[in-house]
Amino acid sequence: MTSNAVSRPLSANPPVKPVYLIVVFALWLTGMAQLPIMKRYYIADAPGLGWLADFYTTHLIHYIGAALLLFILVYAAMVYWVVDRKRFKLTLLAMIRIVVILGLVISGIFRVWKNLPDVVFAPGFILAIDLVHLGLAMVIVLVGLFALIARSRWLKERRRF
């Protein structure tokens, strides 16, 4: 085994990161498309992007993306807790990302719940959940950009004494 293979966590498997990035981008795109901005600013008029103006299509894709994201999060958490935890620890920026992602997941669950036919929330609560979800989506993009600029990874090796 090479030293490079030894210092790499199992959660850094080649397909995990690109799939995560594609799913997050799809969630961002379909989330923004559910706002009426794609048709208003003629983004949906570009060839091949007409589907962005269809609320039900973007809504369905967003739900599928959310399910895929939950699968990726559970997979990464299980791999970390079962395999990587003894050799690696989460960085501070990773913990911030996890808190923001959990906030997004929880606010997303409330958004799904409010869409059920027999569920009624107060209008102020619905507005708050919508703003929290949108705000956290912006925060995760900013934190991701900061992590990219700072070259901060999710995990770092534990020190051995």
C-alpha atoms as a PDB file:
ATOM      1  CA  MET A   1       0.000   0.000   0.000  1.00  0.00           C
ATOM      2  CA  THR A   2       1.393   3.406  -0.893  1.00  0.00           C
ATOM      3  CA  SER A   3       1.645   6.230   1.602  1.00  0.00           C
ATOM      4  CA  ASN A   4      -0.887   8.211  -0.428  1.00  0.00           C
ATOM      5  CA  ALA A   5      -3.466   5.426  -0.121  1.00  0.00           C
ATOM      6  CA  VAL A   6      -2.851   5.198   3.605  1.00  0.00           C
ATOM      7  CA  SER A   7      -3.463   8.901   4.223  1.00  0.00           C
ATOM      8  CA  ARG A   8      -6.697   9.007   2.230  1.00  0.00           C
ATOM      9  CA  PRO A   9     -10.009   8.488   4.023  1.00  0.00           C
ATOM     10  CA  LEU A  10     -12.415   5.895   2.667  1.00  0.00           C
ATOM     11  CA  SER A  11     -15.034   8.631   2.301  1.00  0.00           C
ATOM     12  CA  ALA A  12     -12.813  10.233  -0.370  1.00  0.00           C
ATOM     13  CA  ASN A  13     -13.750   7.527  -2.879  1.00  0.00           C
ATOM     14  CA  PRO A  14     -13.575   8.950  -6.411  1.00  0.00           C
ATOM     15  CA  PRO A  15     -17.325   8.815  -7.257  1.00  0.00           C
ATOM     16  CA  VAL A  16     -18.570  10.390  -4.009  1.00  0.00           C
ATOM     17  CA  LYS A  17     -17.322  13.947  -4.504  1.00  0.00           C
ATOM     18  CA  PRO A  18     -18.434  14.439  -8.128  1.00  0.00           C
ATOM     19  CA  VAL A  19     -21.857  12.934  -7.412  1.00  0.00           C
ATOM     20  CA  TYR A  20     -22.210  15.192  -4.353  1.00  0.00           C
ATOM     21  CA  LEU A  21     -21.244  18.271  -6.396  1.00  0.00           C
ATOM     22  CA  ILE A  22     -23.632  17.376  -9.230  1.00  0.00           C
ATOM     23  CA  VAL A  23     -26.508  16.789  -6.806  1.00  0.00           C
ATOM     24  CA  VAL A  24     -25.824  20.043  -4.941  1.00  0.00           C
ATOM     25  CA  PHE A  25     -25.672  21.964  -8.240  1.00  0.00           C
ATOM     26  CA  ALA A  26     -28.930  20.334  -9.407  1.00  0.00           C
ATOM     27  CA  LEU A  27     -30.575  21.247  -6.092  1.00  0.00           C
ATOM     28  CA  TRP A  28     -29.355  24.827  -6.366  1.00  0.00           C
ATOM     29  CA  LEU A  29     -30.508  25.137  -9.985  1.00  0.00           C
ATOM     30  CA  THR A  30     -33.936  23.583  -9.445  1.00  0.00           C
ATOM     31  CA  GLY A  31     -34.393  25.486  -6.193  1.00  0.00           C
ATOM     32  CA  MET A  32     -33.736  28.783  -7.949  1.00  0.00           C
ATOM     33  CA  ALA A  33     -35.929  27.661 -10.856  1.00  0.00           C
ATOM     34  CA  GLN A  34     -38.880  27.269  -8.491  1.00  0.00           C
ATOM     35  CA  LEU A  35     -38.675  30.995  -7.938  1.00  0.00           C
ATOM     36  CA  PRO A  36     -40.220  32.769 -10.929  1.00  0.00           C
ATOM     37  CA  ILE A  37     -36.847  34.075 -12.134  1.00  0.00           C
ATOM     38  CA  MET A  38     -35.997  31.690 -14.968  1.00  0.00           C
ATOM     39  CA  LYS A  39     -38.772  32.893 -17.280  1.00  0.00           C
ATOM     40  CA  ARG A  40     -38.693  36.482 -16.037  1.00  0.00           C
ATOM     41  CA  TYR A  41     -35.008  36.922 -16.860  1.00  0.00           C
ATOM     42  CA  TYR A  42     -35.212  34.867 -20.093  1.00  0.00           C
ATOM     43  CA  ILE A  43     -32.919  32.108 -18.794  1.00  0.00           C
ATOM     44  CA  ALA A  44     -35.522  29.509 -19.770  1.00  0.00           C
ATOM     45  CA  ASP A  45     -35.557  30.897 -23.324  1.00  0.00           C
ATOM     46  CA  ALA A  46     -32.029  29.597 -23.933  1.00  0.00           C
ATOM     47  CA  PRO A  47     -31.994  26.427 -26.033  1.00  0.00           C
ATOM     48  CA  GLY A  48     -32.433  23.337 -23.860  1.00  0.00           C
ATOM     49  CA  LEU A  49     -33.370  25.263 -20.712  1.00  0.00           C
ATOM     50  CA  GLY A  50     -37.118  25.599 -21.276  1.00  0.00           C
ATOM     51  CA  TRP A  51     -37.785  23.007 -18.564  1.00  0.00           C
ATOM     52  CA  LEU A  52     -36.481  25.488 -15.969  1.00  0.00           C
ATOM     53  CA  ALA A  53     -39.666  27.546 -16.391  1.00  0.00           C
ATOM     54  CA  ASP A  54     -41.900  24.552 -15.567  1.00  0.00           C
ATOM     55  CA  PHE A  55     -42.495  24.610 -11.809  1.00  0.00           C
ATOM     56  CA  TYR A  56     -43.687  21.003 -11.553  1.00  0.00           C
ATOM     57  CA  THR A  57     -40.676  19.621 -13.438  1.00  0.00           C
ATOM     58  CA  THR A  58     -38.185  21.559 -11.331  1.00  0.00           C
ATOM     59  CA  HIS A  59     -40.123  20.653  -8.188  1.00  0.00           C
ATOM     60  CA  LEU A  60     -39.939  16.944  -9.004  1.00  0.00           C
ATOM     61  CA  ILE A  61     -36.236  17.118  -9.878  1.00  0.00           C
ATOM     62  CA  HIS A  62     -35.608  19.039  -6.636  1.00  0.00           C
ATOM     63  CA  TYR A  63     -37.318  16.294  -4.607  1.00  0.00           C
ATOM     64  CA  ILE A  64     -35.319  13.582  -6.392  1.00  0.00           C
ATOM     65  CA  GLY A  65     -32.124  15.566  -5.794  1.00  0.00           C
ATOM     66  CA  ALA A  66     -33.016  15.983  -2.121  1.00  0.00           C
ATOM     67  CA  ALA A  67     -33.487  12.218  -1.792  1.00  0.00           C
ATOM     68  CA  LEU A  68     -30.106  11.629  -3.465  1.00  0.00           C
ATOM     69  CA  LEU A  69     -28.483  14.194  -1.166  1.00  0.00           C
ATOM     70  CA  LEU A  70     -29.933  12.466   1.892  1.00  0.00           C
ATOM     71  CA  PHE A  71     -28.540   9.151   0.620  1.00  0.00           C
ATOM     72  CA  ILE A  72     -25.083  10.706   0.087  1.00  0.00           C
ATOM     73  CA  LEU A  73     -25.162  12.327   3.549  1.00  0.00           C
ATOM     74  CA  VAL A  74     -26.126   9.077   5.269  1.00  0.00           C
ATOM     75  CA  TYR A  75     -23.471   7.173   3.292  1.00  0.00           C
ATOM     76  CA  ALA A  76     -20.756   9.708   4.158  1.00  0.00           C
ATOM     77  CA  ALA A  77     -21.777   9.796   7.827  1.00  0.00           C
ATOM     78  CA  MET A  78     -21.758   6.007   8.088  1.00  0.00           C
ATOM     79  CA  VAL A  79     -18.377   5.690   6.376  1.00  0.00           C
ATOM     80  CA  TYR A  80     -16.944   8.375   8.646  1.00  0.00           C
ATOM     81  CA  TRP A  81     -18.342   6.895  11.867  1.00  0.00           C
ATOM     82  CA  VAL A  82     -17.528   3.284  11.029  1.00  0.00           C
ATOM     83  CA  VAL A  83     -14.220   3.541   9.149  1.00  0.00           C
ATOM     84  CA  ASP A  84     -12.601   6.967   9.089  1.00  0.00           C
ATOM     85  CA  ARG A  85     -13.295   8.342  12.580  1.00  0.00           C
ATOM     86  CA  LYS A  86     -10.313   6.683  14.229  1.00  0.00           C
ATOM     87  CA  ARG A  87      -7.773   8.160  11.799  1.00  0.00           C
ATOM     88  CA  PHE A  88      -9.440  11.399  10.729  1.00  0.00           C
ATOM     89  CA  LYS A  89     -11.340  14.226  12.379  1.00  0.00           C
ATOM     90  CA  LEU A  90     -13.691  16.819  10.974  1.00  0.00           C
ATOM     91  CA  THR A  91     -12.281  20.270  10.319  1.00  0.00           C
ATOM     92  CA  LEU A  92     -13.966  23.368  11.743  1.00  0.00           C
ATOM     93  CA  LEU A  93     -15.210  24.342   8.294  1.00  0.00           C
ATOM     94  CA  ALA A  94     -16.616  20.825   7.847  1.00  0.00           C
ATOM     95  CA  MET A  95     -18.565  21.174  11.082  1.00  0.00           C
ATOM     96  CA  ILE A  96     -19.940  24.524   9.887  1.00  0.00           C
ATOM     97  CA  ARG A  97     -20.939  22.922   6.577  1.00  0.00           C
ATOM     98  CA  ILE A  98     -22.635  20.050   8.409  1.00  0.00           C
ATOM     99  CA  VAL A  99     -24.670  22.441  10.568  1.00  0.00           C
ATOM    100  CA  VAL A 100     -25.756  24.448   7.512  1.00  0.00           C
ATOM    101  CA  ILE A 101     -26.620  21.283   5.560  1.00  0.00           C
ATOM    102  CA  LEU A 102     -28.629  19.956   8.514  1.00  0.00           C
ATOM    103  CA  GLY A 103     -30.460  23.284   8.646  1.00  0.00           C
ATOM    104  CA  LEU A 104     -31.204  22.969   4.943  1.00  0.00           C
ATOM    105  CA  VAL A 105     -32.447  19.410   5.389  1.00  0.00           C
ATOM    106  CA  ILE A 106     -34.667  20.331   8.352  1.00  0.00           C
ATOM    107  CA  SER A 107     -36.096  23.409   6.657  1.00  0.00           C
ATOM    108  CA  GLY A 108     -36.586  21.325   3.491  1.00  0.00           C
ATOM    109  CA  ILE A 109     -38.499  18.735   5.486  1.00  0.00           C
ATOM    110  CA  PHE A 110     -40.771  21.484   6.798  1.00  0.00           C
ATOM    111  CA  ARG A 111     -41.241  22.772   3.237  1.00  0.00           C
ATOM    112  CA  VAL A 112     -42.254  19.272   2.078  1.00  0.00           C
ATOM    113  CA  TRP A 113     -44.519  18.888   5.105  1.00  0.00           C
ATOM    114  CA  LYS A 114     -46.329  22.179   4.397  1.00  0.00           C
ATOM    115  CA  ASN A 115     -47.091  20.949   0.873  1.00  0.00           C
ATOM    116  CA  LEU A 116     -49.106  17.999   2.167  1.00  0.00           C
ATOM    117  CA  PRO A 117     -52.865  18.498   1.733  1.00  0.00           C
ATOM    118  CA  ASP A 118     -53.926  18.154   5.377  1.00  0.00           C
ATOM    119  CA  VAL A 119     -51.111  20.228   6.889  1.00  0.00           C
ATOM    120  CA  VAL A 120     -51.721  23.866   7.728  1.00  0.00           C
ATOM    121  CA  PHE A 121     -49.063  26.189   9.119  1.00  0.00           C
ATOM    122  CA  ALA A 122     -49.405  29.829  10.034  1.00  0.00           C
ATOM    123  CA  PRO A 123     -48.471  32.140   7.147  1.00  0.00           C
ATOM    124  CA  GLY A 124     -45.665  33.707   9.189  1.00  0.00           C
ATOM    125  CA  PHE A 125     -44.167  30.291   9.925  1.00  0.00           C
ATOM    126  CA  ILE A 126     -44.305  29.353   6.224  1.00  0.00           C
ATOM    127  CA  LEU A 127     -42.556  32.594   5.316  1.00  0.00           C
ATOM    128  CA  ALA A 128     -39.920  31.985   7.977  1.00  0.00           C
ATOM    129  CA  ILE A 129     -39.260  28.431   6.768  1.00  0.00           C
ATOM    130  CA  ASP A 130     -39.015  29.635   3.153  1.00  0.00           C
ATOM    131  CA  LEU A 131     -36.586  32.409   4.070  1.00  0.00           C
ATOM    132  CA  VAL A 132     -34.490  30.116   6.278  1.00  0.00           C
ATOM    133  CA  HIS A 133     -34.257  27.541   3.473  1.00  0.00           C
ATOM    134  CA  LEU A 134     -33.302  30.167   0.878  1.00  0.00           C
ATOM    135  CA  GLY A 135     -30.884  31.869   3.271  1.00  0.00           C
ATOM    136  CA  LEU A 136     -29.145  28.620   4.194  1.00  0.00           C
ATOM    137  CA  ALA A 137     -28.865  27.737   0.496  1.00  0.00           C
ATOM    138  CA  MET A 138     -26.977  30.996  -0.005  1.00  0.00           C
ATOM    139  CA  VAL A 139     -24.851  30.380   3.097  1.00  0.00           C
ATOM    140  CA  ILE A 140     -23.812  26.897   1.938  1.00  0.00           C
ATOM    141  CA  VAL A 141     -22.680  28.355  -1.394  1.00  0.00           C
ATOM    142  CA  LEU A 142     -20.643  31.032   0.406  1.00  0.00           C
ATOM    143  CA  VAL A 143     -19.133  28.520   2.835  1.00  0.00           C
ATOM    144  CA  GLY A 144     -18.305  26.211  -0.074  1.00  0.00           C
ATOM    145  CA  LEU A 145     -16.587  29.048  -1.945  1.00  0.00           C
ATOM    146  CA  PHE A 146     -14.646  29.978   1.187  1.00  0.00           C
ATOM    147  CA  ALA A 147     -13.590  26.351   1.641  1.00  0.00           C
ATOM    148  CA  LEU A 148     -12.493  26.219  -1.992  1.00  0.00           C
ATOM    149  CA  ILE A 149     -10.434  29.403  -1.654  1.00  0.00           C
ATOM    150  CA  ALA A 150      -8.987  28.329   1.708  1.00  0.00           C
ATOM    151  CA  ARG A 151      -8.364  24.805   0.343  1.00  0.00           C
ATOM    152  CA  SER A 152     -10.056  23.411   3.407  1.00  0.00           C
ATOM    153  CA  ARG A 153     -11.019  19.759   3.303  1.00  0.00           C
ATOM    154  CA  TRP A 154     -13.739  17.987   5.255  1.00  0.00           C
ATOM    155  CA  LEU A 155     -11.306  15.757   7.152  1.00  0.00           C
ATOM    156  CA  LYS A 156      -7.801  16.009   8.529  1.00  0.00           C
ATOM    157  CA  GLU A 157      -5.618  13.328  10.016  1.00  0.00           C
ATOM    158  CA  ARG A 158      -5.583  12.950  13.761  1.00  0.00           C
ATOM    159  CA  ARG A 159      -2.264  13.565  15.412  1.00  0.00           C
ATOM    160  CA  ARG A 160      -0.558  10.517  16.791  1.00  0.00           C
ATOM    161  CA  PHE A 161       1.557  10.880  19.875  1.00  0.00           C
END
